[in-house]
Amino acid sequence: MDNKENVLKDKSYKFALRIVKLYKHLAEEKKEFVLSKQVLRFGTSIGANISEGNQAQSKPDFVHKLSIAHKKAFETEY
């Protein structure tokens, strides 16, 4: 296993943890379920796509996975 620091992976993981907390707040405190589930899906898929990109079989595959993560970040922001 590569022990190099992966800033993107680390930040996306921390972001996913914040998204989960936001989801819990929206669902439990605000009783908002539709949007909170969507934010949870988009926000946590960023890190999943980055992880997939790190296991890419080629440079185009890597770029594709990271572009998906980028799109999910924009969807989460929206």
N, C-alpha and C. Protein backbone atom coordinates (compact mmCIF):
# COMPACT_ATOMS: atom_id res chain seq x y z
N MET A 1 0.84 -1.19 0.00
CA MET A 1 0.00 0.00 0.00
C MET A 1 0.87 1.24 0.00
N ASP A 2 0.49 2.22 -0.75
CA ASP A 2 1.23 3.46 -0.87
C ASP A 2 0.95 4.33 0.35
N ASN A 3 2.00 4.80 1.02
CA ASN A 3 1.83 5.60 2.23
C ASN A 3 1.88 7.09 1.95
N LYS A 4 1.89 7.49 0.67
CA LYS A 4 1.91 8.91 0.34
C LYS A 4 0.66 9.58 0.87
N GLU A 5 0.83 10.83 1.27
CA GLU A 5 -0.32 11.62 1.72
C GLU A 5 -1.19 11.94 0.51
N ASN A 6 -2.47 11.73 0.64
CA ASN A 6 -3.41 12.02 -0.44
C ASN A 6 -4.38 13.08 0.07
N VAL A 7 -4.05 14.33 -0.20
CA VAL A 7 -4.81 15.46 0.33
C VAL A 7 -6.25 15.42 -0.16
N LEU A 8 -6.43 15.12 -1.43
CA LEU A 8 -7.78 15.09 -2.00
C LEU A 8 -8.64 14.03 -1.32
N LYS A 9 -8.07 12.86 -1.13
CA LYS A 9 -8.80 11.77 -0.46
C LYS A 9 -9.12 12.15 0.99
N ASP A 10 -8.15 12.72 1.68
CA ASP A 10 -8.35 13.12 3.08
C ASP A 10 -9.44 14.19 3.22
N LYS A 11 -9.39 15.20 2.35
CA LYS A 11 -10.37 16.28 2.42
C LYS A 11 -11.77 15.79 2.04
N SER A 12 -11.84 14.90 1.05
CA SER A 12 -13.16 14.40 0.66
C SER A 12 -13.75 13.52 1.76
N TYR A 13 -12.91 12.81 2.49
CA TYR A 13 -13.39 11.99 3.61
C TYR A 13 -13.93 12.89 4.73
N LYS A 14 -13.17 13.93 5.07
CA LYS A 14 -13.63 14.86 6.10
C LYS A 14 -14.92 15.56 5.68
N PHE A 15 -15.01 15.89 4.38
CA PHE A 15 -16.21 16.51 3.86
C PHE A 15 -17.40 15.55 3.99
N ALA A 16 -17.19 14.29 3.68
CA ALA A 16 -18.26 13.29 3.79
C ALA A 16 -18.76 13.19 5.23
N LEU A 17 -17.84 13.25 6.18
CA LEU A 17 -18.26 13.22 7.59
C LEU A 17 -19.13 14.42 7.93
N ARG A 18 -18.77 15.59 7.40
CA ARG A 18 -19.58 16.80 7.63
C ARG A 18 -20.94 16.68 6.96
N ILE A 19 -20.97 16.06 5.78
CA ILE A 19 -22.23 15.86 5.07
C ILE A 19 -23.15 14.94 5.87
N VAL A 20 -22.60 13.90 6.46
CA VAL A 20 -23.41 12.98 7.27
C VAL A 20 -24.01 13.73 8.46
N LYS A 21 -23.21 14.59 9.10
CA LYS A 21 -23.73 15.40 10.21
C LYS A 21 -24.84 16.33 9.74
N LEU A 22 -24.64 16.95 8.57
CA LEU A 22 -25.66 17.83 8.01
C LEU A 22 -26.94 17.05 7.74
N TYR A 23 -26.79 15.87 7.16
CA TYR A 23 -27.95 15.01 6.87
C TYR A 23 -28.72 14.71 8.16
N LYS A 24 -28.00 14.32 9.20
CA LYS A 24 -28.66 14.01 10.47
C LYS A 24 -29.40 15.23 11.02
N HIS A 25 -28.76 16.39 10.93
CA HIS A 25 -29.39 17.63 11.42
C HIS A 25 -30.67 17.92 10.63
N LEU A 26 -30.57 17.85 9.31
CA LEU A 26 -31.75 18.15 8.48
C LEU A 26 -32.87 17.15 8.72
N ALA A 27 -32.53 15.89 8.83
CA ALA A 27 -33.55 14.85 9.00
C ALA A 27 -34.17 14.88 10.39
N GLU A 28 -33.34 15.03 11.42
CA GLU A 28 -33.85 14.95 12.79
C GLU A 28 -34.43 16.26 13.30
N GLU A 29 -33.74 17.35 13.03
CA GLU A 29 -34.15 18.64 13.59
C GLU A 29 -35.16 19.38 12.70
N LYS A 30 -34.93 19.33 11.40
CA LYS A 30 -35.77 20.10 10.48
C LYS A 30 -36.84 19.26 9.80
N LYS A 31 -36.78 17.94 10.01
CA LYS A 31 -37.74 17.01 9.41
C LYS A 31 -37.75 17.14 7.87
N GLU A 32 -36.60 17.40 7.31
CA GLU A 32 -36.45 17.52 5.86
C GLU A 32 -35.79 16.23 5.36
N PHE A 33 -36.50 15.46 4.56
CA PHE A 33 -36.02 14.15 4.17
C PHE A 33 -35.60 14.06 2.70
N VAL A 34 -36.32 14.69 1.80
CA VAL A 34 -36.03 14.55 0.38
C VAL A 34 -34.68 15.18 0.03
N LEU A 35 -34.52 16.45 0.35
CA LEU A 35 -33.26 17.13 0.03
C LEU A 35 -32.09 16.59 0.85
N SER A 36 -32.35 16.23 2.10
CA SER A 36 -31.26 15.74 2.93
C SER A 36 -30.70 14.43 2.38
N LYS A 37 -31.56 13.57 1.85
CA LYS A 37 -31.08 12.32 1.26
C LYS A 37 -30.26 12.59 0.00
N GLN A 38 -30.69 13.56 -0.78
CA GLN A 38 -29.98 13.90 -2.00
C GLN A 38 -28.60 14.48 -1.67
N VAL A 39 -28.52 15.37 -0.69
CA VAL A 39 -27.25 15.93 -0.26
C VAL A 39 -26.33 14.83 0.26
N LEU A 40 -26.89 13.90 1.00
CA LEU A 40 -26.11 12.78 1.53
C LEU A 40 -25.51 11.95 0.39
N ARG A 41 -26.32 11.64 -0.61
CA ARG A 41 -25.83 10.84 -1.75
C ARG A 41 -24.73 11.56 -2.51
N PHE A 42 -24.98 12.81 -2.87
CA PHE A 42 -24.00 13.56 -3.65
C PHE A 42 -22.72 13.81 -2.85
N GLY A 43 -22.89 14.26 -1.63
CA GLY A 43 -21.72 14.63 -0.81
C GLY A 43 -20.81 13.48 -0.46
N THR A 44 -21.38 12.31 -0.26
CA THR A 44 -20.54 11.15 0.07
C THR A 44 -20.00 10.47 -1.17
N SER A 45 -20.62 10.69 -2.33
CA SER A 45 -20.12 10.04 -3.55
C SER A 45 -18.85 10.71 -4.06
N ILE A 46 -18.56 11.93 -3.61
CA ILE A 46 -17.34 12.62 -4.04
C ILE A 46 -16.12 11.78 -3.66
N GLY A 47 -16.03 11.42 -2.40
CA GLY A 47 -14.89 10.62 -1.94
C GLY A 47 -14.86 9.24 -2.56
N ALA A 48 -16.03 8.66 -2.80
CA ALA A 48 -16.07 7.34 -3.43
C ALA A 48 -15.49 7.40 -4.83
N ASN A 49 -15.82 8.44 -5.58
CA ASN A 49 -15.27 8.59 -6.93
C ASN A 49 -13.78 8.89 -6.91
N ILE A 50 -13.32 9.63 -5.94
CA ILE A 50 -11.89 9.89 -5.80
C ILE A 50 -11.15 8.59 -5.50
N SER A 51 -11.72 7.78 -4.61
CA SER A 51 -11.11 6.49 -4.30
C SER A 51 -11.06 5.59 -5.54
N GLU A 52 -12.13 5.59 -6.31
CA GLU A 52 -12.14 4.82 -7.55
C GLU A 52 -11.08 5.34 -8.51
N GLY A 53 -10.95 6.65 -8.58
CA GLY A 53 -9.94 7.24 -9.45
C GLY A 53 -8.53 6.83 -9.06
N ASN A 54 -8.30 6.70 -7.77
CA ASN A 54 -6.97 6.28 -7.30
C ASN A 54 -6.66 4.84 -7.72
N GLN A 55 -7.67 4.08 -8.06
CA GLN A 55 -7.47 2.70 -8.51
C GLN A 55 -7.67 2.57 -10.02
N ALA A 56 -7.64 3.68 -10.71
CA ALA A 56 -7.92 3.70 -12.15
C ALA A 56 -6.93 2.82 -12.91
N GLN A 57 -7.41 2.29 -14.02
CA GLN A 57 -6.59 1.41 -14.85
C GLN A 57 -5.81 2.19 -15.90
N SER A 58 -6.15 3.44 -16.10
CA SER A 58 -5.46 4.27 -17.08
C SER A 58 -5.63 5.73 -16.70
N LYS A 59 -4.84 6.59 -17.33
CA LYS A 59 -4.96 8.02 -17.07
C LYS A 59 -6.34 8.55 -17.47
N PRO A 60 -6.89 8.14 -18.65
CA PRO A 60 -8.25 8.60 -18.99
C PRO A 60 -9.30 8.13 -17.98
N ASP A 61 -9.14 6.92 -17.45
CA ASP A 61 -10.06 6.41 -16.43
C ASP A 61 -9.96 7.27 -15.17
N PHE A 62 -8.73 7.60 -14.77
CA PHE A 62 -8.49 8.46 -13.61
C PHE A 62 -9.17 9.81 -13.79
N VAL A 63 -8.96 10.43 -14.95
CA VAL A 63 -9.55 11.74 -15.24
C VAL A 63 -11.07 11.66 -15.21
N HIS A 64 -11.61 10.58 -15.77
CA HIS A 64 -13.07 10.40 -15.79
C HIS A 64 -13.63 10.32 -14.37
N LYS A 65 -13.01 9.52 -13.52
CA LYS A 65 -13.51 9.37 -12.14
C LYS A 65 -13.43 10.69 -11.38
N LEU A 66 -12.33 11.42 -11.57
CA LEU A 66 -12.22 12.71 -10.88
C LEU A 66 -13.18 13.73 -11.44
N SER A 67 -13.51 13.65 -12.72
CA SER A 67 -14.49 14.59 -13.27
C SER A 67 -15.88 14.29 -12.71
N ILE A 68 -16.18 13.03 -12.45
CA ILE A 68 -17.45 12.67 -11.81
C ILE A 68 -17.48 13.25 -10.39
N ALA A 69 -16.38 13.11 -9.65
CA ALA A 69 -16.30 13.66 -8.30
C ALA A 69 -16.51 15.18 -8.34
N HIS A 70 -15.93 15.81 -9.33
CA HIS A 70 -16.06 17.27 -9.48
C HIS A 70 -17.53 17.65 -9.72
N LYS A 71 -18.20 16.89 -10.58
CA LYS A 71 -19.62 17.15 -10.85
C LYS A 71 -20.46 16.97 -9.58
N LYS A 72 -20.16 15.94 -8.82
CA LYS A 72 -20.90 15.69 -7.58
C LYS A 72 -20.67 16.81 -6.57
N ALA A 73 -19.49 17.38 -6.57
CA ALA A 73 -19.21 18.52 -5.68
C ALA A 73 -20.08 19.71 -6.07
N PHE A 74 -20.21 19.97 -7.37
CA PHE A 74 -21.08 21.06 -7.82
C PHE A 74 -22.54 20.78 -7.48
N GLU A 75 -22.97 19.54 -7.64
CA GLU A 75 -24.35 19.18 -7.31
C GLU A 75 -24.60 19.36 -5.81
N THR A 76 -23.62 18.99 -5.00
CA THR A 76 -23.77 19.15 -3.55
C THR A 76 -23.85 20.63 -3.19
N GLU A 77 -23.01 21.43 -3.81
CA GLU A 77 -23.03 22.88 -3.54
C GLU A 77 -24.38 23.48 -3.92
N TYR A 78 -24.92 23.05 -5.05
CA TYR A 78 -26.20 23.59 -5.50
C TYR A 78 -27.30 23.28 -4.51
